[in-house]
N, C-alpha and C. Protein backbone atom coordinates (compact mmCIF):
# COMPACT_ATOMS: atom_id res chain seq x y z
N MET A 1 -24.91 -3.29 4.27
CA MET A 1 -23.52 -3.96 3.69
C MET A 1 -22.79 -3.21 3.05
N ARG A 2 -21.54 -3.50 3.46
CA ARG A 2 -20.37 -2.54 3.34
C ARG A 2 -19.88 -2.64 2.18
N ARG A 3 -19.80 -1.86 1.31
CA ARG A 3 -19.05 -1.76 -0.10
C ARG A 3 -17.89 -0.78 0.09
N GLU A 4 -16.90 -1.20 -0.60
CA GLU A 4 -15.38 -0.56 -0.77
C GLU A 4 -15.58 -0.31 -2.71
N SER A 5 -14.68 0.38 -2.55
CA SER A 5 -14.07 0.59 -4.22
C SER A 5 -12.90 1.35 -4.74
N VAL A 6 -12.08 0.55 -5.46
CA VAL A 6 -10.57 1.17 -6.60
C VAL A 6 -10.94 1.51 -7.39
N ARG A 7 -10.26 2.77 -7.61
CA ARG A 7 -10.11 3.14 -9.09
C ARG A 7 -9.08 3.25 -10.04
N VAL A 8 -9.05 3.39 -11.12
CA VAL A 8 -7.84 3.27 -11.94
C VAL A 8 -8.02 3.47 -13.27
N ASP A 9 -7.10 4.76 -13.49
CA ASP A 9 -7.55 4.57 -15.17
C ASP A 9 -6.95 4.02 -15.87
N LEU A 10 -7.60 3.50 -17.43
CA LEU A 10 -6.71 2.36 -18.44
C LEU A 10 -6.66 3.40 -19.78
N PHE A 11 -5.66 3.54 -20.22
CA PHE A 11 -5.65 3.94 -21.03
C PHE A 11 -6.23 3.51 -22.53
N VAL A 12 -7.19 2.65 -22.49
CA VAL A 12 -7.34 1.55 -23.25
C VAL A 12 -9.19 2.09 -23.91
N ALA A 13 -9.69 1.59 -24.69
CA ALA A 13 -11.20 2.27 -24.84
C ALA A 13 -11.90 0.83 -24.34
N PRO A 14 -12.80 1.50 -23.65
CA PRO A 14 -13.66 0.89 -22.11
C PRO A 14 -14.17 -0.76 -23.61
N ASP A 15 -14.23 -0.92 -24.49
CA ASP A 15 -14.54 -2.45 -24.99
C ASP A 15 -13.11 -3.59 -24.76
N VAL A 16 -12.40 -2.63 -25.19
CA VAL A 16 -10.89 -3.25 -24.80
C VAL A 16 -10.68 -3.92 -23.16
N ALA A 17 -11.24 -2.83 -22.46
CA ALA A 17 -11.04 -3.26 -20.85
C ALA A 17 -12.33 -4.43 -20.41
N TYR A 18 -13.13 -4.28 -21.77
CA TYR A 18 -14.41 -5.34 -21.01
C TYR A 18 -13.68 -6.46 -21.53
N ASP A 19 -13.61 -6.69 -22.40
CA ASP A 19 -12.93 -8.25 -23.40
C ASP A 19 -11.96 -8.79 -22.12
N PHE A 20 -11.06 -7.80 -21.71
CA PHE A 20 -9.72 -8.31 -21.40
C PHE A 20 -10.51 -8.99 -19.67
N LEU A 21 -11.43 -8.17 -19.18
CA LEU A 21 -11.79 -8.22 -17.83
C LEU A 21 -12.81 -9.30 -18.23
N LEU A 22 -13.62 -9.73 -18.84
CA LEU A 22 -14.23 -10.75 -19.13
C LEU A 22 -14.29 -12.00 -18.55
N ASP A 23 -12.81 -12.35 -19.32
CA ASP A 23 -12.29 -13.82 -19.28
C ASP A 23 -11.54 -13.97 -18.14
N TYR A 24 -11.75 -14.39 -17.34
CA TYR A 24 -11.22 -14.65 -15.80
C TYR A 24 -9.36 -15.11 -16.28
N ARG A 25 -9.78 -15.80 -17.20
CA ARG A 25 -8.52 -16.38 -17.06
C ARG A 25 -7.27 -15.47 -17.37
N ASN A 26 -7.84 -14.31 -18.06
CA ASN A 26 -6.74 -13.25 -18.13
C ASN A 26 -6.77 -12.57 -16.33
N ASP A 27 -6.86 -12.90 -15.75
CA ASP A 27 -6.56 -12.20 -14.30
C ASP A 27 -5.24 -12.91 -13.99
N LEU A 28 -4.50 -14.00 -14.25
CA LEU A 28 -3.46 -14.35 -14.32
C LEU A 28 -2.33 -13.52 -14.41
N LEU A 29 -2.50 -12.61 -15.41
CA LEU A 29 -1.65 -11.31 -16.08
C LEU A 29 -1.25 -10.51 -15.01
N TRP A 30 -2.58 -10.07 -14.49
CA TRP A 30 -2.34 -9.20 -13.59
C TRP A 30 -3.21 -9.21 -12.07
N ARG A 31 -3.20 -10.49 -11.36
CA ARG A 31 -3.57 -10.41 -10.20
C ARG A 31 -2.33 -11.44 -9.36
N SER A 32 -2.06 -10.95 -8.35
CA SER A 32 -0.72 -11.59 -7.46
C SER A 32 -0.69 -12.66 -6.94
N GLU A 33 -2.34 -12.71 -6.17
CA GLU A 33 -2.50 -13.40 -5.92
C GLU A 33 -3.23 -15.36 -6.16
N LEU A 34 -3.52 -15.12 -7.35
CA LEU A 34 -4.21 -15.72 -8.42
C LEU A 34 -2.99 -16.73 -8.98
N LYS A 35 -3.32 -18.13 -8.99
CA LYS A 35 -1.88 -19.45 -9.21
C LYS A 35 -2.39 -20.03 -10.61
N SER A 36 -3.96 -20.19 -10.45
CA SER A 36 -4.04 -21.20 -11.38
C SER A 36 -5.55 -20.78 -11.64
N VAL A 37 -6.08 -20.94 -13.30
CA VAL A 37 -7.59 -20.76 -13.58
C VAL A 37 -7.52 -21.38 -14.41
N GLU A 38 -9.08 -22.50 -14.38
CA GLU A 38 -9.51 -23.01 -15.43
C GLU A 38 -11.36 -22.84 -15.99
N VAL A 39 -11.65 -23.13 -16.61
CA VAL A 39 -13.15 -22.67 -16.83
C VAL A 39 -13.59 -24.72 -16.78
N LYS A 40 -14.22 -24.50 -15.53
CA LYS A 40 -15.47 -25.38 -14.65
C LYS A 40 -16.27 -25.71 -15.76
N SER A 41 -17.42 -25.11 -15.88
CA SER A 41 -18.78 -25.25 -16.97
C SER A 41 -18.77 -24.03 -17.63
N GLY A 42 -19.43 -24.04 -18.60
CA GLY A 42 -19.84 -23.19 -19.14
C GLY A 42 -19.35 -22.33 -20.57
N GLU A 43 -19.09 -21.35 -20.54
CA GLU A 43 -18.65 -20.51 -21.72
C GLU A 43 -17.88 -19.18 -21.11
N PRO A 44 -16.87 -19.08 -21.24
CA PRO A 44 -16.31 -17.90 -20.80
C PRO A 44 -17.05 -16.55 -21.46
N GLY A 45 -17.03 -15.31 -21.35
CA GLY A 45 -17.60 -14.43 -21.35
C GLY A 45 -19.40 -14.44 -21.60
N GLU A 46 -19.59 -15.71 -21.25
CA GLU A 46 -21.24 -15.98 -20.91
C GLU A 46 -21.62 -16.36 -19.42
N PRO A 47 -22.59 -15.28 -19.09
CA PRO A 47 -23.30 -15.65 -17.62
C PRO A 47 -23.39 -16.71 -17.52
N GLY A 48 -23.20 -17.04 -15.93
CA GLY A 48 -22.77 -18.71 -15.58
C GLY A 48 -21.67 -19.37 -16.07
N VAL A 49 -21.06 -18.57 -16.43
CA VAL A 49 -19.56 -19.49 -16.73
C VAL A 49 -18.79 -19.70 -15.34
N VAL A 50 -18.41 -20.69 -14.62
CA VAL A 50 -17.65 -20.87 -13.78
C VAL A 50 -16.50 -21.45 -14.24
N TYR A 51 -15.30 -20.77 -13.09
CA TYR A 51 -13.73 -21.01 -13.09
C TYR A 51 -13.58 -21.78 -11.95
N ASP A 52 -12.60 -22.69 -11.81
CA ASP A 52 -11.54 -22.77 -10.79
C ASP A 52 -10.33 -22.75 -10.61
N GLY A 53 -9.92 -22.04 -9.57
CA GLY A 53 -8.14 -21.69 -9.51
C GLY A 53 -8.06 -21.80 -7.93
N THR A 54 -6.77 -21.56 -8.00
CA THR A 54 -6.21 -21.42 -6.80
C THR A 54 -5.56 -20.23 -6.65
N MET A 55 -5.50 -19.73 -5.17
CA MET A 55 -5.14 -18.49 -4.34
C MET A 55 -4.18 -18.92 -3.98
N ASP A 56 -2.89 -17.86 -3.68
CA ASP A 56 -2.32 -18.15 -2.64
C ASP A 56 -2.25 -16.82 -1.64
N TRP A 57 -1.71 -17.40 -0.53
CA TRP A 57 -1.57 -16.15 0.32
C TRP A 57 -0.80 -16.40 1.37
N GLN A 58 0.65 -15.56 1.86
CA GLN A 58 1.13 -15.83 2.35
C GLN A 58 1.87 -17.52 2.74
N GLY A 59 1.83 -17.38 1.22
CA GLY A 59 2.42 -19.01 1.22
C GLY A 59 1.51 -20.48 1.74
N LEU A 60 0.76 -20.17 1.79
CA LEU A 60 -0.57 -20.73 2.01
C LEU A 60 -1.44 -20.93 0.66
N THR A 61 -1.85 -21.71 0.11
CA THR A 61 -2.68 -21.99 -1.29
C THR A 61 -4.23 -22.37 -0.94
N PHE A 62 -5.28 -22.02 -1.15
CA PHE A 62 -6.34 -22.48 -1.24
C PHE A 62 -7.60 -22.14 -2.53
N PRO A 63 -8.42 -23.06 -2.35
CA PRO A 63 -9.26 -23.21 -3.60
C PRO A 63 -10.01 -22.08 -3.93
N HIS A 64 -10.61 -21.74 -5.02
CA HIS A 64 -11.13 -20.35 -5.63
C HIS A 64 -11.80 -20.72 -6.70
N THR A 65 -13.32 -20.41 -6.55
CA THR A 65 -14.02 -20.59 -7.51
C THR A 65 -14.82 -19.04 -8.12
N LEU A 66 -14.88 -18.81 -8.98
CA LEU A 66 -15.37 -17.64 -9.35
C LEU A 66 -16.47 -17.93 -10.76
N GLU A 67 -17.47 -17.09 -10.28
CA GLU A 67 -18.65 -17.04 -11.16
C GLU A 67 -18.83 -15.97 -12.25
N LEU A 68 -19.42 -15.46 -13.18
CA LEU A 68 -19.44 -14.90 -13.94
C LEU A 68 -21.47 -14.35 -14.25
N MET A 69 -21.52 -13.23 -13.09
CA MET A 69 -23.00 -13.17 -12.76
C MET A 69 -23.89 -12.29 -13.59
N GLU A 70 -23.46 -11.77 -14.41
CA GLU A 70 -24.19 -10.48 -15.26
C GLU A 70 -22.81 -9.56 -15.88
N CYS A 71 -23.30 -9.14 -16.99
CA CYS A 71 -22.14 -8.41 -17.57
C CYS A 71 -23.09 -7.99 -19.18
N ARG A 72 -22.72 -6.36 -18.91
CA ARG A 72 -23.55 -5.30 -19.95
C ARG A 72 -22.23 -4.70 -20.67
N ARG A 73 -22.36 -5.13 -22.24
CA ARG A 73 -21.01 -4.80 -22.68
C ARG A 73 -20.76 -3.34 -23.07
N PRO A 74 -20.24 -2.60 -23.18
CA PRO A 74 -18.81 -2.61 -22.70
C PRO A 74 -18.85 -1.91 -21.14
N THR A 75 -20.19 -1.99 -20.42
CA THR A 75 -19.45 -0.76 -19.06
C THR A 75 -19.66 -1.91 -17.71
N ARG A 76 -20.05 -2.81 -17.81
CA ARG A 76 -19.92 -3.13 -16.32
C ARG A 76 -20.16 -4.86 -16.23
N ILE A 77 -19.15 -5.49 -15.34
CA ILE A 77 -19.53 -6.92 -15.21
C ILE A 77 -19.70 -7.24 -14.01
N HIS A 78 -20.08 -8.06 -13.61
CA HIS A 78 -20.14 -8.63 -12.06
C HIS A 78 -19.59 -9.94 -12.03
N VAL A 79 -19.03 -10.61 -10.92
CA VAL A 79 -18.58 -11.80 -10.60
C VAL A 79 -18.64 -12.04 -9.06
N ARG A 80 -18.60 -12.99 -8.78
CA ARG A 80 -19.09 -13.52 -7.70
C ARG A 80 -17.92 -14.45 -7.46
N SER A 81 -17.08 -14.26 -6.21
CA SER A 81 -16.07 -14.74 -5.88
C SER A 81 -16.05 -15.72 -4.61
N GLU A 82 -15.61 -17.17 -4.91
CA GLU A 82 -15.84 -17.75 -3.38
C GLU A 82 -14.64 -18.75 -3.32
N SER A 83 -14.36 -18.65 -1.87
CA SER A 83 -13.07 -19.30 -1.29
C SER A 83 -13.56 -19.81 0.44
N PRO A 84 -12.93 -20.83 1.00
CA PRO A 84 -13.51 -21.14 2.15
C PRO A 84 -13.57 -19.55 3.20
N ASN A 85 -14.71 -19.39 3.48
CA ASN A 85 -15.00 -18.63 4.29
C ASN A 85 -14.87 -16.96 4.01
N LEU A 86 -14.62 -17.32 2.84
CA LEU A 86 -14.88 -15.81 1.94
C LEU A 86 -15.62 -15.55 0.54
N CYS A 87 -16.73 -14.85 0.45
CA CYS A 87 -16.99 -14.85 -0.69
C CYS A 87 -17.43 -13.38 -1.03
N THR A 88 -17.34 -12.83 -2.19
CA THR A 88 -16.72 -11.88 -2.70
C THR A 88 -17.94 -11.45 -4.47
N ASP A 89 -18.77 -10.60 -3.67
CA ASP A 89 -18.91 -9.86 -5.14
C ASP A 89 -18.05 -8.64 -5.65
N VAL A 90 -17.86 -9.21 -6.30
CA VAL A 90 -16.97 -7.79 -7.33
C VAL A 90 -17.79 -7.21 -8.58
N VAL A 91 -18.12 -5.48 -8.77
CA VAL A 91 -18.31 -5.30 -10.10
C VAL A 91 -17.62 -4.10 -10.77
N TYR A 92 -17.21 -4.45 -11.67
CA TYR A 92 -16.42 -3.90 -12.47
C TYR A 92 -17.16 -2.67 -13.53
N ASN A 93 -16.95 -1.62 -13.00
CA ASN A 93 -17.42 -0.64 -13.97
C ASN A 93 -16.80 0.18 -14.73
N LEU A 94 -16.81 0.17 -15.75
CA LEU A 94 -16.00 1.03 -16.80
C LEU A 94 -16.66 2.23 -17.11
N HIS A 95 -16.00 3.45 -17.38
CA HIS A 95 -16.81 4.92 -17.73
C HIS A 95 -15.76 5.14 -18.80
N GLU A 96 -16.32 5.95 -20.20
CA GLU A 96 -15.13 6.20 -21.20
C GLU A 96 -14.90 7.48 -20.71
N ARG A 97 -13.35 7.72 -21.48
CA ARG A 97 -12.62 8.92 -21.21
C ARG A 97 -12.21 9.44 -22.05
N ASP A 98 -11.47 10.51 -22.31
CA ASP A 98 -11.01 10.91 -23.27
C ASP A 98 -9.53 9.99 -23.87
N THR A 99 -8.97 9.71 -22.80
CA THR A 99 -7.79 8.69 -22.77
C THR A 99 -7.81 7.69 -22.60
N GLY A 100 -9.16 6.76 -22.55
CA GLY A 100 -9.25 5.47 -22.81
C GLY A 100 -10.72 5.47 -21.60
N CYS A 101 -10.51 5.32 -20.84
CA CYS A 101 -12.01 4.94 -20.17
C CYS A 101 -11.29 4.62 -18.27
N LEU A 102 -12.23 4.99 -17.22
CA LEU A 102 -12.30 4.86 -15.85
C LEU A 102 -12.72 3.47 -15.49
N LEU A 103 -12.12 2.49 -14.56
CA LEU A 103 -12.18 1.17 -13.78
C LEU A 103 -12.58 1.64 -12.50
N ILE A 104 -13.89 1.39 -12.01
CA ILE A 104 -14.16 1.29 -10.61
C ILE A 104 -14.60 0.08 -10.35
N ALA A 105 -13.74 -0.51 -9.61
CA ALA A 105 -13.83 -0.86 -9.07
C ALA A 105 -14.54 -1.72 -8.03
N GLU A 106 -15.82 -2.12 -7.87
CA GLU A 106 -16.89 -2.30 -6.45
C GLU A 106 -16.67 -3.84 -5.76
N TYR A 107 -16.34 -3.55 -4.34
CA TYR A 107 -15.88 -4.97 -3.74
C TYR A 107 -17.33 -4.94 -2.67
N ILE A 108 -17.63 -6.29 -2.34
CA ILE A 108 -18.79 -6.57 -1.52
C ILE A 108 -18.54 -7.58 -0.79
N LEU A 109 -18.14 -7.83 0.37
CA LEU A 109 -18.18 -9.17 1.32
C LEU A 109 -19.45 -9.62 1.36
N CYS A 110 -19.63 -11.31 1.15
CA CYS A 110 -20.88 -11.92 1.36
C CYS A 110 -20.32 -13.09 2.46
N MET A 111 -20.33 -12.38 3.85
CA MET A 111 -20.30 -13.77 4.87
C MET A 111 -20.78 -13.79 6.04
N GLU A 112 -21.57 -14.79 6.34
CA GLU A 112 -22.44 -14.25 7.07
C GLU A 112 -22.10 -15.41 8.36
N GLY A 113 -23.57 -15.29 9.62
CA GLY A 113 -23.27 -16.28 10.57
C GLY A 113 -21.68 -16.38 11.01
N PRO A 114 -20.70 -17.61 11.42
CA PRO A 114 -19.95 -17.56 12.23
C PRO A 114 -19.06 -17.32 11.31
N SER A 115 -18.47 -16.69 10.04
CA SER A 115 -17.88 -16.31 9.54
C SER A 115 -17.15 -15.12 9.52
N LEU A 116 -18.42 -14.28 10.03
CA LEU A 116 -18.39 -12.55 9.84
C LEU A 116 -17.18 -12.23 10.86
N VAL A 117 -17.13 -13.16 11.80
CA VAL A 117 -15.93 -12.58 12.88
C VAL A 117 -14.47 -12.40 12.08
N LEU A 118 -14.88 -13.19 10.47
CA LEU A 118 -13.56 -12.91 9.95
C LEU A 118 -13.22 -11.83 8.96
N GLU A 119 -14.57 -10.94 9.02
CA GLU A 119 -14.85 -10.00 8.25
C GLU A 119 -13.78 -8.77 8.14
N PRO A 120 -13.31 -8.07 9.25
CA PRO A 120 -12.10 -7.32 9.24
C PRO A 120 -11.05 -8.10 8.18
N PHE A 121 -10.47 -9.19 8.67
CA PHE A 121 -9.63 -9.73 8.22
C PHE A 121 -9.27 -10.00 6.39
N GLY A 122 -11.23 -10.64 6.33
CA GLY A 122 -11.58 -10.42 4.47
C GLY A 122 -11.50 -8.77 4.02
N TRP A 123 -11.57 -8.08 4.76
CA TRP A 123 -11.39 -6.74 3.90
C TRP A 123 -9.97 -6.42 3.65
N ALA A 124 -9.34 -6.31 5.17
CA ALA A 124 -7.92 -6.32 4.88
C ALA A 124 -6.93 -7.05 3.69
N LEU A 125 -7.41 -8.44 3.29
CA LEU A 125 -6.53 -8.68 2.56
C LEU A 125 -7.58 -8.33 1.45
N LEU A 126 -8.38 -8.29 1.31
CA LEU A 126 -9.65 -8.34 -0.48
C LEU A 126 -8.42 -6.90 -0.92
N LEU A 127 -8.83 -5.35 0.01
CA LEU A 127 -8.98 -4.10 -0.58
C LEU A 127 -6.80 -4.24 -0.76
N GLY A 128 -5.75 -4.88 0.28
CA GLY A 128 -4.92 -5.10 -0.08
C GLY A 128 -4.38 -5.45 -1.51
N TRP A 129 -5.37 -6.48 -1.81
CA TRP A 129 -4.97 -7.31 -3.54
C TRP A 129 -5.38 -6.13 -4.23
N ALA A 130 -6.00 -5.44 -4.29
CA ALA A 130 -6.92 -4.86 -4.83
C ALA A 130 -5.80 -3.64 -5.04
N LYS A 131 -5.55 -2.91 -3.91
CA LYS A 131 -4.92 -1.82 -4.35
C LYS A 131 -3.54 -1.81 -4.78
N ASP A 132 -2.85 -3.28 -4.17
CA ASP A 132 -1.92 -3.67 -4.76
C ASP A 132 -1.64 -4.58 -6.77
N ASP A 133 -2.90 -4.92 -6.85
CA ASP A 133 -2.84 -5.10 -8.15
C ASP A 133 -3.57 -4.37 -9.28
N LEU A 134 -4.84 -3.93 -8.95
CA LEU A 134 -5.18 -3.26 -10.19
C LEU A 134 -4.77 -2.06 -10.28
N PRO A 135 -3.82 -1.87 -10.01
CA PRO A 135 -2.60 -0.70 -10.87
C PRO A 135 -1.85 -1.42 -11.79
N ARG A 136 -1.99 -2.79 -11.96
CA ARG A 136 -1.10 -3.38 -12.54
C ARG A 136 -1.86 -3.42 -14.28
N LEU A 137 -3.21 -3.56 -13.87
CA LEU A 137 -3.97 -3.54 -15.34
C LEU A 137 -3.62 -2.33 -16.57
N PRO A 138 -3.38 -1.44 -16.35
CA PRO A 138 -2.50 -0.52 -17.89
C PRO A 138 -1.56 -0.56 -18.10
N THR A 139 -0.76 -1.55 -17.70
CA THR A 139 0.44 -2.06 -18.53
C THR A 139 0.28 -3.05 -18.95
N VAL A 140 -0.63 -3.84 -18.10
CA VAL A 140 -0.80 -5.19 -19.03
C VAL A 140 -1.90 -4.92 -20.23
N LEU A 141 -2.88 -4.24 -20.12
CA LEU A 141 -3.55 -3.94 -21.22
C LEU A 141 -2.78 -3.44 -22.64
N GLU A 142 -1.84 -2.33 -21.87
CA GLU A 142 -0.93 -1.60 -23.16
C GLU A 142 -0.31 -2.32 -23.42
N GLY A 143 0.51 -3.74 -23.16
CA GLY A 143 1.47 -4.08 -23.65
C GLY A 143 1.11 -5.36 -24.62
C-alpha cells in the first residue's frame, strides 16, 4: 500500500499542536478545501468521534466524513477521511524539537475495486492539498 508523507516544522510544543489537531473543527482554520465541519456523533478528542462536513474542489462541493481512529497524547493522531470514491487514512506524528516540534503527516489512500482507477487522481489531489495547506499550520498555531 502506497504511503506518502509531508513534513512541517511547528514552533509550538507538541502538546499544543496535538490539542489543536485533535479537534477536527480546527481544520477549518488551515485547510483550504474544507468548507464546513460539525460533530455527527461522539465526543471531540475521543476515539470514535465522527464529523460530517463538506469539501470543495474546483467549484465542486462534496460530502465528507472523518473519524478519529486513534490518539496517543502528545505524539500521534490517526484519522480516517471518507468522501465519495476516496478514503484516506492520515496519521499525524509529532516529534519534539528544541524550537517546538516536527509534524510528519502520513497519508494512505484506501481505495478498492472500481475506484482504483481514480487512485492517481486521488494522490494528486491529496498531496496537492497537503503541500498547500500544511505550511499554513505554523501561522495558525502561533496566531
